[in-house]
Amino acid sequence: MNGNYITWSTLLNEGDTISIPLLDHTENETVQATDLGITILYEDDVLLIANKPAGMDTHPSQPGEAHSLLNGIAHHLQITGQTCMIKHIHRLDKDTTGAVLFAKNRLIGSMLDKMLEEREIKRTYLALVEGNIKKDEGEIKEKIGRDRHHATRRRVSPTGQTAVTHYRVLNRDSKKNLTLVSCTLESGRTHQIRVHFSHLNHPLAGDTLYGGKRHFHVKPCMQGKSNSSTRFLKKK
């Protein structure tokens, strides 16, 4: 207000000038920069897309944490001489690997948030689930809520939030009793894919939190056709 930073509760007077710094390049000093060898998939002046490895949080879960994807992005910005802010537009579960979209200023962040909300940004997930899914494609429409008996688990609940998952079978491995599916979401609930397939009695391979078997270890397929991804399945 009138060139000075103010709190939201400040009272305004007639004639005051209000400015909103949508395109400022204030460095995000609250995120510690850490060299984590993050792979940048795409970058321009206003946004960035990075690959999140499995086993890494999208952002710090508590103060002082320095090994999340956001910390790695902060390091990338630091070594490339960029002093812009950085904001993740969506998240991936810690054990999930894939592309995460970041905004470099408040204006593009708000625009991308709106696009995500209106489903103008499309996201596709690959999941290796246990068992043989007989239908070639389908829809899982079950509400998801918190599990009051577990701090981090979610469950299908009639009082939960609306959640819709569309899936398509890409490959079936009868010897290992696994199915590779492609999923798109109409909603983005926490653990949605994991909860929905567990509800169908087809938990994700290795997802012990939702009933998957521990002896499966999935390595991401870096190249080749998607229907050969089950070749990367190994037993511990």
C-alpha atoms as a PDB file:
ATOM      1  CA  MET A   1       0.000   0.000   0.000  1.00  0.00           C
ATOM      2  CA  ASN A   2       1.505   3.309  -1.133  1.00  0.00           C
ATOM      3  CA  GLY A   3       4.783   1.482  -1.841  1.00  0.00           C
ATOM      4  CA  ASN A   4       4.971  -0.340   1.521  1.00  0.00           C
ATOM      5  CA  TYR A   5       4.247  -3.970   2.426  1.00  0.00           C
ATOM      6  CA  ILE A   6       1.198  -4.315   4.668  1.00  0.00           C
ATOM      7  CA  THR A   7      -0.824  -7.082   6.319  1.00  0.00           C
ATOM      8  CA  TRP A   8      -4.221  -8.184   5.019  1.00  0.00           C
ATOM      9  CA  SER A   9      -5.902  -6.658   8.090  1.00  0.00           C
ATOM     10  CA  THR A  10      -4.635  -3.109   7.384  1.00  0.00           C
ATOM     11  CA  LEU A  11      -7.474  -0.625   6.944  1.00  0.00           C
ATOM     12  CA  LEU A  12      -7.464   1.370   3.707  1.00  0.00           C
ATOM     13  CA  ASN A  13      -8.230   5.041   3.220  1.00  0.00           C
ATOM     14  CA  GLU A  14      -9.607   6.840   0.205  1.00  0.00           C
ATOM     15  CA  GLY A  15      -6.764   7.685  -2.144  1.00  0.00           C
ATOM     16  CA  ASP A  16      -4.473   4.804  -1.080  1.00  0.00           C
ATOM     17  CA  THR A  17      -2.677   3.024  -3.905  1.00  0.00           C
ATOM     18  CA  ILE A  18      -2.626  -0.775  -3.841  1.00  0.00           C
ATOM     19  CA  SER A  19      -0.132  -2.778  -5.914  1.00  0.00           C
ATOM     20  CA  ILE A  20       0.174  -6.578  -6.160  1.00  0.00           C
ATOM     21  CA  PRO A  21       3.683  -7.845  -7.084  1.00  0.00           C
ATOM     22  CA  LEU A  22       2.636 -10.601  -9.494  1.00  0.00           C
ATOM     23  CA  LEU A  23       5.820 -10.581 -11.537  1.00  0.00           C
ATOM     24  CA  ASP A  24       8.428  -9.817  -8.899  1.00  0.00           C
ATOM     25  CA  HIS A  25      11.546 -11.968  -8.704  1.00  0.00           C
ATOM     26  CA  THR A  26      11.992 -12.155  -4.958  1.00  0.00           C
ATOM     27  CA  GLU A  27      14.165 -15.124  -4.083  1.00  0.00           C
ATOM     28  CA  ASN A  28      12.472 -17.808  -2.016  1.00  0.00           C
ATOM     29  CA  GLU A  29      14.835 -17.738   0.972  1.00  0.00           C
ATOM     30  CA  THR A  30      12.716 -20.147   3.026  1.00  0.00           C
ATOM     31  CA  VAL A  31      13.746 -23.154   0.918  1.00  0.00           C
ATOM     32  CA  GLN A  32      17.279 -24.455   1.402  1.00  0.00           C
ATOM     33  CA  ALA A  33      19.132 -25.179  -1.852  1.00  0.00           C
ATOM     34  CA  THR A  34      20.506 -28.739  -2.009  1.00  0.00           C
ATOM     35  CA  ASP A  35      22.329 -30.436  -4.872  1.00  0.00           C
ATOM     36  CA  LEU A  36      20.217 -33.554  -5.429  1.00  0.00           C
ATOM     37  CA  GLY A  37      20.973 -34.150  -9.108  1.00  0.00           C
ATOM     38  CA  ILE A  38      17.419 -33.287 -10.165  1.00  0.00           C
ATOM     39  CA  THR A  39      16.588 -33.783 -13.855  1.00  0.00           C
ATOM     40  CA  ILE A  40      14.912 -30.780 -15.485  1.00  0.00           C
ATOM     41  CA  LEU A  41      12.524 -31.944 -18.208  1.00  0.00           C
ATOM     42  CA  TYR A  42      11.465 -28.498 -19.457  1.00  0.00           C
ATOM     43  CA  GLU A  43      12.103 -24.887 -18.472  1.00  0.00           C
ATOM     44  CA  ASP A  44      11.315 -21.404 -19.764  1.00  0.00           C
ATOM     45  CA  ASP A  45      10.998 -17.925 -18.240  1.00  0.00           C
ATOM     46  CA  VAL A  46       7.791 -18.624 -16.315  1.00  0.00           C
ATOM     47  CA  LEU A  47       7.610 -22.339 -15.521  1.00  0.00           C
ATOM     48  CA  LEU A  48       9.684 -25.441 -14.945  1.00  0.00           C
ATOM     49  CA  ILE A  49       8.999 -29.196 -15.104  1.00  0.00           C
ATOM     50  CA  ALA A  50      11.239 -31.571 -13.160  1.00  0.00           C
ATOM     51  CA  ASN A  51      11.360 -35.330 -12.685  1.00  0.00           C
ATOM     52  CA  LYS A  52      10.760 -36.435  -9.089  1.00  0.00           C
ATOM     53  CA  PRO A  53      12.615 -39.640  -8.209  1.00  0.00           C
ATOM     54  CA  ALA A  54      10.880 -42.286  -6.121  1.00  0.00           C
ATOM     55  CA  GLY A  55      11.595 -41.966  -2.390  1.00  0.00           C
ATOM     56  CA  MET A  56      11.699 -38.152  -2.440  1.00  0.00           C
ATOM     57  CA  ASP A  57       9.061 -35.738  -1.110  1.00  0.00           C
ATOM     58  CA  THR A  58       7.750 -33.069  -3.481  1.00  0.00           C
ATOM     59  CA  HIS A  59       8.353 -30.347  -0.878  1.00  0.00           C
ATOM     60  CA  PRO A  60       9.746 -30.160   2.677  1.00  0.00           C
ATOM     61  CA  SER A  61       7.345 -31.704   5.166  1.00  0.00           C
ATOM     62  CA  GLN A  62       8.832 -29.851   8.132  1.00  0.00           C
ATOM     63  CA  PRO A  63      11.091 -26.832   8.772  1.00  0.00           C
ATOM     64  CA  GLY A  64      14.757 -27.477   8.059  1.00  0.00           C
ATOM     65  CA  GLU A  65      14.176 -30.442   5.732  1.00  0.00           C
ATOM     66  CA  ALA A  66      16.550 -30.164   2.772  1.00  0.00           C
ATOM     67  CA  HIS A  67      16.148 -33.264   0.597  1.00  0.00           C
ATOM     68  CA  SER A  68      12.845 -32.699  -1.196  1.00  0.00           C
ATOM     69  CA  LEU A  69      12.345 -31.997  -4.894  1.00  0.00           C
ATOM     70  CA  LEU A  70      11.749 -28.328  -4.052  1.00  0.00           C
ATOM     71  CA  ASN A  71      15.189 -28.160  -2.400  1.00  0.00           C
ATOM     72  CA  GLY A  72      16.744 -29.621  -5.544  1.00  0.00           C
ATOM     73  CA  ILE A  73      14.923 -27.079  -7.723  1.00  0.00           C
ATOM     74  CA  ALA A  74      16.128 -24.259  -5.453  1.00  0.00           C
ATOM     75  CA  HIS A  75      19.704 -25.463  -6.093  1.00  0.00           C
ATOM     76  CA  HIS A  76      19.098 -25.509  -9.852  1.00  0.00           C
ATOM     77  CA  LEU A  77      17.845 -21.917  -9.731  1.00  0.00           C
ATOM     78  CA  GLN A  78      20.821 -20.908  -7.609  1.00  0.00           C
ATOM     79  CA  ILE A  79      23.506 -22.319  -9.921  1.00  0.00           C
ATOM     80  CA  THR A  80      21.779 -20.895 -13.005  1.00  0.00           C
ATOM     81  CA  GLY A  81      21.656 -17.410 -11.477  1.00  0.00           C
ATOM     82  CA  GLN A  82      17.874 -17.201 -11.162  1.00  0.00           C
ATOM     83  CA  THR A  83      16.371 -15.323  -8.231  1.00  0.00           C
ATOM     84  CA  CYS A  84      12.722 -16.051  -8.962  1.00  0.00           C
ATOM     85  CA  MET A  85      10.263 -17.596  -6.543  1.00  0.00           C
ATOM     86  CA  ILE A  86       9.258 -21.211  -7.159  1.00  0.00           C
ATOM     87  CA  LYS A  87       5.918 -22.891  -6.447  1.00  0.00           C
ATOM     88  CA  HIS A  88       4.824 -26.484  -7.082  1.00  0.00           C
ATOM     89  CA  ILE A  89       1.458 -26.677  -8.863  1.00  0.00           C
ATOM     90  CA  HIS A  90       0.745 -30.281  -7.895  1.00  0.00           C
ATOM     91  CA  ARG A  91       2.381 -33.042  -5.862  1.00  0.00           C
ATOM     92  CA  LEU A  92       3.298 -36.692  -6.182  1.00  0.00           C
ATOM     93  CA  ASP A  93       3.449 -39.259  -3.379  1.00  0.00           C
ATOM     94  CA  LYS A  94       6.913 -39.855  -1.947  1.00  0.00           C
ATOM     95  CA  ASP A  95       7.262 -43.313  -3.525  1.00  0.00           C
ATOM     96  CA  THR A  96       5.952 -42.149  -6.918  1.00  0.00           C
ATOM     97  CA  THR A  97       8.236 -40.969  -9.699  1.00  0.00           C
ATOM     98  CA  GLY A  98       7.132 -38.561 -12.420  1.00  0.00           C
ATOM     99  CA  ALA A  99       6.950 -35.013 -13.745  1.00  0.00           C
ATOM    100  CA  VAL A 100       6.093 -32.139 -11.387  1.00  0.00           C
ATOM    101  CA  LEU A 101       5.126 -28.690 -12.651  1.00  0.00           C
ATOM    102  CA  PHE A 102       6.497 -25.524 -10.987  1.00  0.00           C
ATOM    103  CA  ALA A 103       5.663 -21.833 -11.489  1.00  0.00           C
ATOM    104  CA  LYS A 104       8.301 -19.104 -11.349  1.00  0.00           C
ATOM    105  CA  ASN A 105       6.054 -16.195 -10.397  1.00  0.00           C
ATOM    106  CA  ARG A 106       2.742 -15.600  -8.652  1.00  0.00           C
ATOM    107  CA  LEU A 107       0.823 -14.737 -11.806  1.00  0.00           C
ATOM    108  CA  ILE A 108       1.717 -17.913 -13.704  1.00  0.00           C
ATOM    109  CA  GLY A 109       1.194 -19.878 -10.481  1.00  0.00           C
ATOM    110  CA  SER A 110      -2.389 -18.613 -10.206  1.00  0.00           C
ATOM    111  CA  MET A 111      -3.003 -19.292 -13.903  1.00  0.00           C
ATOM    112  CA  LEU A 112      -1.704 -22.866 -13.650  1.00  0.00           C
ATOM    113  CA  ASP A 113      -3.708 -23.467 -10.448  1.00  0.00           C
ATOM    114  CA  LYS A 114      -6.860 -22.412 -12.311  1.00  0.00           C
ATOM    115  CA  MET A 115      -5.998 -24.580 -15.325  1.00  0.00           C
ATOM    116  CA  LEU A 116      -5.465 -27.578 -13.043  1.00  0.00           C
ATOM    117  CA  GLU A 117      -8.744 -26.915 -11.247  1.00  0.00           C
ATOM    118  CA  GLU A 118     -10.628 -26.716 -14.559  1.00  0.00           C
ATOM    119  CA  ARG A 119      -8.826 -29.853 -15.861  1.00  0.00           C
ATOM    120  CA  GLU A 120      -7.118 -27.997 -18.696  1.00  0.00           C
ATOM    121  CA  ILE A 121      -3.879 -29.638 -17.527  1.00  0.00           C
ATOM    122  CA  LYS A 122      -4.016 -33.378 -18.175  1.00  0.00           C
ATOM    123  CA  ARG A 123      -2.041 -35.884 -16.095  1.00  0.00           C
ATOM    124  CA  THR A 124      -1.610 -39.577 -16.882  1.00  0.00           C
ATOM    125  CA  TYR A 125      -0.238 -42.122 -14.413  1.00  0.00           C
ATOM    126  CA  LEU A 126       1.129 -45.627 -14.954  1.00  0.00           C
ATOM    127  CA  ALA A 127       0.454 -48.129 -12.186  1.00  0.00           C
ATOM    128  CA  LEU A 128       1.472 -51.773 -11.803  1.00  0.00           C
ATOM    129  CA  VAL A 129      -1.259 -53.504  -9.813  1.00  0.00           C
ATOM    130  CA  GLU A 130      -1.549 -56.996  -8.387  1.00  0.00           C
ATOM    131  CA  GLY A 131      -3.902 -59.481  -9.981  1.00  0.00           C
ATOM    132  CA  ASN A 132      -5.488 -59.757 -13.402  1.00  0.00           C
ATOM    133  CA  ILE A 133      -7.909 -56.918 -14.142  1.00  0.00           C
ATOM    134  CA  LYS A 134     -10.382 -58.502 -16.540  1.00  0.00           C
ATOM    135  CA  LYS A 135     -11.949 -55.337 -17.968  1.00  0.00           C
ATOM    136  CA  ASP A 136      -9.811 -53.551 -20.573  1.00  0.00           C
ATOM    137  CA  GLU A 137     -10.938 -50.177 -19.227  1.00  0.00           C
ATOM    138  CA  GLY A 138     -13.165 -48.851 -16.523  1.00  0.00           C
ATOM    139  CA  GLU A 139     -14.087 -46.142 -14.037  1.00  0.00           C
ATOM    140  CA  ILE A 140     -13.707 -46.198 -10.259  1.00  0.00           C
ATOM    141  CA  LYS A 141     -16.072 -43.716  -8.630  1.00  0.00           C
ATOM    142  CA  GLU A 142     -15.713 -43.982  -4.872  1.00  0.00           C
ATOM    143  CA  LYS A 143     -15.475 -41.175  -2.310  1.00  0.00           C
ATOM    144  CA  ILE A 144     -12.221 -41.018  -0.331  1.00  0.00           C
ATOM    145  CA  GLY A 145     -11.783 -39.916   3.285  1.00  0.00           C
ATOM    146  CA  ARG A 146      -9.292 -40.228   6.125  1.00  0.00           C
ATOM    147  CA  ASP A 147      -8.825 -43.497   7.968  1.00  0.00           C
ATOM    148  CA  ARG A 148      -9.435 -42.624  11.621  1.00  0.00           C
ATOM    149  CA  HIS A 149      -7.374 -45.639  12.688  1.00  0.00           C
ATOM    150  CA  HIS A 150      -4.217 -44.595  10.795  1.00  0.00           C
ATOM    151  CA  ALA A 151      -2.492 -41.202  10.600  1.00  0.00           C
ATOM    152  CA  THR A 152      -1.564 -41.310   6.901  1.00  0.00           C
ATOM    153  CA  ARG A 153      -3.930 -43.834   5.316  1.00  0.00           C
ATOM    154  CA  ARG A 154      -6.990 -42.922   3.312  1.00  0.00           C
ATOM    155  CA  ARG A 155      -9.996 -45.148   2.663  1.00  0.00           C
ATOM    156  CA  VAL A 156     -13.153 -45.353   0.595  1.00  0.00           C
ATOM    157  CA  SER A 157     -15.836 -43.619   2.650  1.00  0.00           C
ATOM    158  CA  PRO A 158     -19.420 -42.516   1.881  1.00  0.00           C
ATOM    159  CA  THR A 159     -18.712 -39.269   3.771  1.00  0.00           C
ATOM    160  CA  GLY A 160     -15.412 -38.600   1.972  1.00  0.00           C
ATOM    161  CA  GLN A 161     -14.570 -36.366  -0.980  1.00  0.00           C
ATOM    162  CA  THR A 162     -15.718 -37.240  -4.488  1.00  0.00           C
ATOM    163  CA  ALA A 163     -12.997 -39.104  -6.413  1.00  0.00           C
ATOM    164  CA  VAL A 164     -13.124 -40.568  -9.928  1.00  0.00           C
ATOM    165  CA  THR A 165     -10.347 -42.639 -11.537  1.00  0.00           C
ATOM    166  CA  HIS A 166     -10.441 -43.770 -15.175  1.00  0.00           C
ATOM    167  CA  TYR A 167      -8.147 -46.636 -16.108  1.00  0.00           C
ATOM    168  CA  ARG A 168      -7.089 -48.545 -19.220  1.00  0.00           C
ATOM    169  CA  VAL A 169      -5.189 -51.850 -19.226  1.00  0.00           C
ATOM    170  CA  LEU A 170      -1.880 -51.674 -21.115  1.00  0.00           C
ATOM    171  CA  ASN A 171      -0.499 -55.118 -20.391  1.00  0.00           C
ATOM    172  CA  ARG A 172      -1.203 -58.256 -18.368  1.00  0.00           C
ATOM    173  CA  ASP A 173       1.516 -60.505 -16.968  1.00  0.00           C
ATOM    174  CA  SER A 174      -0.184 -63.782 -16.069  1.00  0.00           C
ATOM    175  CA  LYS A 175       3.033 -65.393 -14.802  1.00  0.00           C
ATOM    176  CA  LYS A 176       3.617 -62.680 -12.200  1.00  0.00           C
ATOM    177  CA  ASN A 177      -0.125 -62.042 -11.766  1.00  0.00           C
ATOM    178  CA  LEU A 178       0.245 -58.314 -12.457  1.00  0.00           C
ATOM    179  CA  THR A 179      -1.555 -55.761 -14.629  1.00  0.00           C
ATOM    180  CA  LEU A 180      -0.096 -52.529 -16.007  1.00  0.00           C
ATOM    181  CA  VAL A 181      -2.719 -49.767 -16.216  1.00  0.00           C
ATOM    182  CA  SER A 182      -2.844 -46.178 -17.415  1.00  0.00           C
ATOM    183  CA  CYS A 183      -4.878 -43.868 -15.151  1.00  0.00           C
ATOM    184  CA  THR A 184      -6.407 -40.408 -15.483  1.00  0.00           C
ATOM    185  CA  LEU A 185      -8.112 -38.623 -12.603  1.00  0.00           C
ATOM    186  CA  GLU A 186     -11.132 -36.355 -12.477  1.00  0.00           C
ATOM    187  CA  SER A 187     -10.007 -35.367  -8.981  1.00  0.00           C
ATOM    188  CA  GLY A 188      -6.710 -35.267  -7.153  1.00  0.00           C
ATOM    189  CA  ARG A 189      -7.315 -36.791  -3.729  1.00  0.00           C
ATOM    190  CA  THR A 190      -4.456 -37.953  -1.541  1.00  0.00           C
ATOM    191  CA  HIS A 191      -3.454 -41.548  -2.435  1.00  0.00           C
ATOM    192  CA  GLN A 192      -6.398 -41.711  -4.858  1.00  0.00           C
ATOM    193  CA  ILE A 193      -5.031 -44.336  -7.261  1.00  0.00           C
ATOM    194  CA  ARG A 194      -3.657 -46.415  -4.389  1.00  0.00           C
ATOM    195  CA  VAL A 195      -6.953 -46.328  -2.476  1.00  0.00           C
ATOM    196  CA  HIS A 196      -9.158 -47.012  -5.479  1.00  0.00           C
ATOM    197  CA  PHE A 197      -7.246 -50.041  -6.742  1.00  0.00           C
ATOM    198  CA  SER A 198      -6.890 -51.427  -3.226  1.00  0.00           C
ATOM    199  CA  HIS A 199     -10.674 -51.094  -2.938  1.00  0.00           C
ATOM    200  CA  LEU A 200     -10.970 -53.274  -6.078  1.00  0.00           C
ATOM    201  CA  ASN A 201      -8.655 -55.843  -4.425  1.00  0.00           C
ATOM    202  CA  HIS A 202      -5.910 -54.927  -6.907  1.00  0.00           C
ATOM    203  CA  PRO A 203      -3.428 -52.959  -4.739  1.00  0.00           C
ATOM    204  CA  LEU A 204      -0.341 -51.446  -6.339  1.00  0.00           C
ATOM    205  CA  ALA A 205       2.602 -53.841  -6.422  1.00  0.00           C
ATOM    206  CA  GLY A 206       4.844 -53.123  -3.439  1.00  0.00           C
ATOM    207  CA  ASP A 207       2.360 -50.738  -1.784  1.00  0.00           C
ATOM    208  CA  THR A 208       2.284 -52.389   1.643  1.00  0.00           C
ATOM    209  CA  LEU A 209       0.272 -49.513   3.146  1.00  0.00           C
ATOM    210  CA  TYR A 210      -2.714 -50.555   1.043  1.00  0.00           C
ATOM    211  CA  GLY A 211      -2.251 -54.317   0.907  1.00  0.00           C
ATOM    212  CA  GLY A 212       0.421 -54.758  -1.770  1.00  0.00           C
ATOM    213  CA  LYS A 213       3.018 -57.504  -1.396  1.00  0.00           C
ATOM    214  CA  ARG A 214       6.383 -56.460   0.003  1.00  0.00           C
ATOM    215  CA  HIS A 215       8.532 -58.702  -2.222  1.00  0.00           C
ATOM    216  CA  PHE A 216       7.914 -56.663  -5.382  1.00  0.00           C
ATOM    217  CA  HIS A 217      10.318 -53.907  -6.370  1.00  0.00           C
ATOM    218  CA  VAL A 218       9.424 -51.727  -9.364  1.00  0.00           C
ATOM    219  CA  LYS A 219      12.067 -49.832 -11.318  1.00  0.00           C
ATOM    220  CA  PRO A 220      10.864 -47.034 -13.635  1.00  0.00           C
ATOM    221  CA  CYS A 221      10.912 -47.843 -17.357  1.00  0.00           C
ATOM    222  CA  MET A 222      13.203 -45.240 -18.923  1.00  0.00           C
ATOM    223  CA  GLN A 223      12.783 -46.315 -22.504  1.00  0.00           C
ATOM    224  CA  GLY A 224      10.889 -48.708 -24.740  1.00  0.00           C
ATOM    225  CA  LYS A 225       7.173 -49.278 -25.204  1.00  0.00           C
ATOM    226  CA  SER A 226       4.852 -49.035 -22.247  1.00  0.00           C
ATOM    227  CA  ASN A 227       3.558 -52.588 -22.745  1.00  0.00           C
ATOM    228  CA  SER A 228       7.028 -53.936 -21.908  1.00  0.00           C
ATOM    229  CA  SER A 229       7.298 -52.144 -18.582  1.00  0.00           C
ATOM    230  CA  THR A 230       6.609 -55.313 -16.631  1.00  0.00           C
ATOM    231  CA  ARG A 231      10.047 -56.535 -17.673  1.00  0.00           C
ATOM    232  CA  PHE A 232      11.458 -54.152 -15.096  1.00  0.00           C
ATOM    233  CA  LEU A 233       9.743 -56.027 -12.273  1.00  0.00           C
ATOM    234  CA  LYS A 234      12.192 -57.880 -10.055  1.00  0.00           C
ATOM    235  CA  LYS A 235      11.880 -59.843  -6.857  1.00  0.00           C
ATOM    236  CA  LYS A 236      13.966 -58.752  -3.915  1.00  0.00           C
END
